[in-house]
Amino acid sequence: MSFMSASVTWLGLGLTVGTAGLVTYGLAALPCGASVRQEDAEAVCRPAKRTALALGALGIAAFVVGTVFLFLDLTNFG
């Protein structure tokens, strides 16, 4: 596998997982704005927001790996 194909794969994975994190965070914020008790909304939102942050972190890490592979391809390292 060349560095270019690896970089495209990792960049795509990073963008996909990052987008999933944004969608999860957006869905987690919905109960907080609804007319439910504040304690219930916080109990529902907290794990979903943690999951969204974890997905965002994984997306950023995959994007960085893809960027490194792209840099290695552009410098003809391999």
N, C-alpha and C. Protein backbone atom coordinates (compact mmCIF):
# COMPACT_ATOMS: atom_id res chain seq x y z
N MET A 1 0.85 -1.18 0.00
CA MET A 1 0.00 0.00 0.00
C MET A 1 0.90 1.24 0.00
N SER A 2 0.63 2.12 -0.91
CA SER A 2 1.44 3.33 -0.99
C SER A 2 1.02 4.33 0.08
N PHE A 3 1.89 5.29 0.29
CA PHE A 3 1.58 6.33 1.28
C PHE A 3 0.37 7.15 0.87
N MET A 4 0.18 7.34 -0.45
CA MET A 4 -0.94 8.14 -0.92
C MET A 4 -2.27 7.46 -0.61
N SER A 5 -2.37 6.17 -0.91
CA SER A 5 -3.62 5.48 -0.63
C SER A 5 -3.85 5.36 0.87
N ALA A 6 -2.78 5.18 1.62
CA ALA A 6 -2.93 5.13 3.08
C ALA A 6 -3.39 6.48 3.63
N SER A 7 -2.85 7.55 3.06
CA SER A 7 -3.24 8.88 3.56
C SER A 7 -4.69 9.18 3.22
N VAL A 8 -5.14 8.81 2.03
CA VAL A 8 -6.54 9.04 1.66
C VAL A 8 -7.45 8.22 2.56
N THR A 9 -7.07 6.99 2.85
CA THR A 9 -7.88 6.14 3.72
C THR A 9 -7.98 6.73 5.12
N TRP A 10 -6.85 7.13 5.69
CA TRP A 10 -6.85 7.68 7.05
C TRP A 10 -7.54 9.04 7.12
N LEU A 11 -7.35 9.87 6.10
CA LEU A 11 -8.04 11.16 6.08
C LEU A 11 -9.56 10.96 5.99
N GLY A 12 -9.97 10.03 5.15
CA GLY A 12 -11.40 9.73 5.05
C GLY A 12 -11.96 9.18 6.34
N LEU A 13 -11.20 8.31 6.98
CA LEU A 13 -11.64 7.76 8.27
C LEU A 13 -11.74 8.86 9.31
N GLY A 14 -10.76 9.74 9.34
CA GLY A 14 -10.79 10.83 10.30
C GLY A 14 -11.98 11.75 10.10
N LEU A 15 -12.27 12.09 8.84
CA LEU A 15 -13.41 12.95 8.57
C LEU A 15 -14.73 12.25 8.91
N THR A 16 -14.82 10.96 8.61
CA THR A 16 -16.05 10.22 8.89
C THR A 16 -16.30 10.11 10.40
N VAL A 17 -15.28 9.73 11.14
CA VAL A 17 -15.44 9.57 12.58
C VAL A 17 -15.66 10.94 13.25
N GLY A 18 -14.97 11.96 12.75
CA GLY A 18 -15.19 13.30 13.29
C GLY A 18 -16.61 13.79 13.05
N THR A 19 -17.15 13.51 11.87
CA THR A 19 -18.54 13.87 11.57
C THR A 19 -19.50 13.09 12.46
N ALA A 20 -19.21 11.83 12.70
CA ALA A 20 -20.05 11.03 13.60
C ALA A 20 -20.03 11.61 15.01
N GLY A 21 -18.88 12.11 15.43
CA GLY A 21 -18.79 12.76 16.73
C GLY A 21 -19.63 14.03 16.80
N LEU A 22 -19.61 14.82 15.74
CA LEU A 22 -20.42 16.04 15.71
C LEU A 22 -21.91 15.71 15.73
N VAL A 23 -22.31 14.71 14.98
CA VAL A 23 -23.72 14.32 14.96
C VAL A 23 -24.14 13.78 16.32
N THR A 24 -23.29 12.98 16.93
CA THR A 24 -23.60 12.44 18.26
C THR A 24 -23.72 13.55 19.28
N TYR A 25 -22.84 14.53 19.20
CA TYR A 25 -22.90 15.65 20.14
C TYR A 25 -24.18 16.46 19.93
N GLY A 26 -24.54 16.65 18.67
CA GLY A 26 -25.77 17.37 18.37
C GLY A 26 -27.00 16.64 18.88
N LEU A 27 -27.02 15.32 18.71
CA LEU A 27 -28.15 14.54 19.21
C LEU A 27 -28.16 14.50 20.74
N ALA A 28 -26.99 14.57 21.35
CA ALA A 28 -26.93 14.56 22.81
C ALA A 28 -27.47 15.86 23.38
N ALA A 29 -27.37 16.94 22.63
CA ALA A 29 -27.84 18.23 23.12
C ALA A 29 -29.35 18.39 23.02
N LEU A 30 -30.00 17.54 22.23
CA LEU A 30 -31.45 17.65 22.06
C LEU A 30 -32.24 17.50 23.37
N PRO A 31 -31.96 16.48 24.19
CA PRO A 31 -32.75 16.36 25.43
C PRO A 31 -32.52 17.52 26.39
N CYS A 32 -31.37 18.16 26.30
CA CYS A 32 -31.08 19.27 27.21
C CYS A 32 -31.97 20.47 26.91
N GLY A 33 -32.42 20.59 25.67
CA GLY A 33 -33.27 21.72 25.32
C GLY A 33 -34.75 21.39 25.43
N ALA A 34 -35.10 20.13 25.62
CA ALA A 34 -36.50 19.74 25.68
C ALA A 34 -37.09 20.08 27.05
N SER A 35 -38.38 19.95 27.13
CA SER A 35 -39.06 20.30 28.39
C SER A 35 -39.12 19.09 29.31
N VAL A 36 -37.95 18.64 29.76
CA VAL A 36 -37.85 17.56 30.73
C VAL A 36 -37.11 18.10 31.94
N ARG A 37 -37.14 17.32 32.99
CA ARG A 37 -36.43 17.77 34.19
C ARG A 37 -34.95 17.89 33.89
N GLN A 38 -34.33 18.89 34.46
CA GLN A 38 -32.92 19.18 34.20
C GLN A 38 -32.02 18.01 34.61
N GLU A 39 -32.34 17.37 35.73
CA GLU A 39 -31.52 16.24 36.20
C GLU A 39 -31.60 15.08 35.22
N ASP A 40 -32.79 14.81 34.69
CA ASP A 40 -32.94 13.72 33.73
C ASP A 40 -32.20 14.04 32.43
N ALA A 41 -32.29 15.27 31.99
CA ALA A 41 -31.60 15.66 30.76
C ALA A 41 -30.09 15.54 30.92
N GLU A 42 -29.57 15.94 32.06
CA GLU A 42 -28.12 15.85 32.28
C GLU A 42 -27.67 14.39 32.36
N ALA A 43 -28.52 13.53 32.96
CA ALA A 43 -28.17 12.11 33.06
C ALA A 43 -28.12 11.46 31.68
N VAL A 44 -28.98 11.91 30.78
CA VAL A 44 -28.99 11.37 29.42
C VAL A 44 -27.85 11.96 28.60
N CYS A 45 -27.59 13.24 28.76
CA CYS A 45 -26.61 13.94 27.91
C CYS A 45 -25.17 13.58 28.24
N ARG A 46 -24.87 13.34 29.50
CA ARG A 46 -23.48 13.16 29.91
C ARG A 46 -22.77 12.01 29.18
N PRO A 47 -23.33 10.77 29.17
CA PRO A 47 -22.61 9.70 28.46
C PRO A 47 -22.53 9.94 26.95
N ALA A 48 -23.58 10.52 26.40
CA ALA A 48 -23.56 10.77 24.95
C ALA A 48 -22.51 11.83 24.59
N LYS A 49 -22.36 12.83 25.43
CA LYS A 49 -21.34 13.85 25.16
C LYS A 49 -19.94 13.28 25.31
N ARG A 50 -19.76 12.37 26.26
CA ARG A 50 -18.45 11.72 26.40
C ARG A 50 -18.14 10.88 25.16
N THR A 51 -19.15 10.17 24.67
CA THR A 51 -18.97 9.38 23.46
C THR A 51 -18.63 10.27 22.28
N ALA A 52 -19.31 11.40 22.18
CA ALA A 52 -19.04 12.34 21.09
C ALA A 52 -17.63 12.89 21.17
N LEU A 53 -17.18 13.21 22.37
CA LEU A 53 -15.81 13.71 22.52
C LEU A 53 -14.78 12.64 22.18
N ALA A 54 -15.07 11.39 22.54
CA ALA A 54 -14.16 10.29 22.20
C ALA A 54 -14.11 10.09 20.69
N LEU A 55 -15.27 10.16 20.03
CA LEU A 55 -15.28 10.04 18.58
C LEU A 55 -14.52 11.19 17.93
N GLY A 56 -14.67 12.38 18.46
CA GLY A 56 -13.94 13.53 17.95
C GLY A 56 -12.44 13.35 18.10
N ALA A 57 -12.02 12.85 19.25
CA ALA A 57 -10.59 12.62 19.47
C ALA A 57 -10.05 11.56 18.52
N LEU A 58 -10.81 10.49 18.31
CA LEU A 58 -10.38 9.46 17.36
C LEU A 58 -10.33 10.01 15.94
N GLY A 59 -11.29 10.86 15.60
CA GLY A 59 -11.29 11.47 14.27
C GLY A 59 -10.08 12.36 14.06
N ILE A 60 -9.74 13.14 15.06
CA ILE A 60 -8.56 14.01 14.96
C ILE A 60 -7.29 13.18 14.84
N ALA A 61 -7.19 12.10 15.62
CA ALA A 61 -6.01 11.25 15.56
C ALA A 61 -5.87 10.60 14.18
N ALA A 62 -6.98 10.11 13.63
CA ALA A 62 -6.92 9.51 12.30
C ALA A 62 -6.57 10.54 11.24
N PHE A 63 -7.08 11.76 11.39
CA PHE A 63 -6.77 12.83 10.45
C PHE A 63 -5.28 13.17 10.50
N VAL A 64 -4.70 13.19 11.69
CA VAL A 64 -3.27 13.47 11.85
C VAL A 64 -2.43 12.36 11.21
N VAL A 65 -2.84 11.12 11.42
CA VAL A 65 -2.11 10.00 10.80
C VAL A 65 -2.17 10.11 9.28
N GLY A 66 -3.35 10.44 8.75
CA GLY A 66 -3.48 10.63 7.30
C GLY A 66 -2.62 11.76 6.78
N THR A 67 -2.53 12.84 7.55
CA THR A 67 -1.69 13.97 7.15
C THR A 67 -0.22 13.58 7.14
N VAL A 68 0.20 12.78 8.10
CA VAL A 68 1.60 12.31 8.14
C VAL A 68 1.89 11.44 6.92
N PHE A 69 0.97 10.53 6.60
CA PHE A 69 1.17 9.69 5.42
C PHE A 69 1.21 10.53 4.15
N LEU A 70 0.38 11.54 4.07
CA LEU A 70 0.39 12.42 2.90
C LEU A 70 1.72 13.17 2.79
N PHE A 71 2.22 13.65 3.93
CA PHE A 71 3.52 14.32 3.94
C PHE A 71 4.63 13.37 3.50
N LEU A 72 4.58 12.12 3.98
CA LEU A 72 5.60 11.14 3.58
C LEU A 72 5.51 10.85 2.09
N ASP A 73 4.31 10.82 1.53
CA ASP A 73 4.17 10.59 0.09
C ASP A 73 4.69 11.79 -0.70
N LEU A 74 4.39 12.99 -0.25
CA LEU A 74 4.81 14.18 -0.99
C LEU A 74 6.33 14.39 -0.94
N THR A 75 6.97 13.90 0.11
CA THR A 75 8.43 14.05 0.20
C THR A 75 9.16 12.86 -0.39
N ASN A 76 8.41 11.90 -0.98
CA ASN A 76 8.98 10.70 -1.57
C ASN A 76 9.87 9.94 -0.59
N PHE A 77 9.39 9.82 0.63
CA PHE A 77 10.17 9.13 1.67
C PHE A 77 10.27 7.64 1.39
N GLY A 78 9.18 7.03 0.94
CA GLY A 78 9.15 5.57 0.76
C GLY A 78 9.41 5.22 -0.63
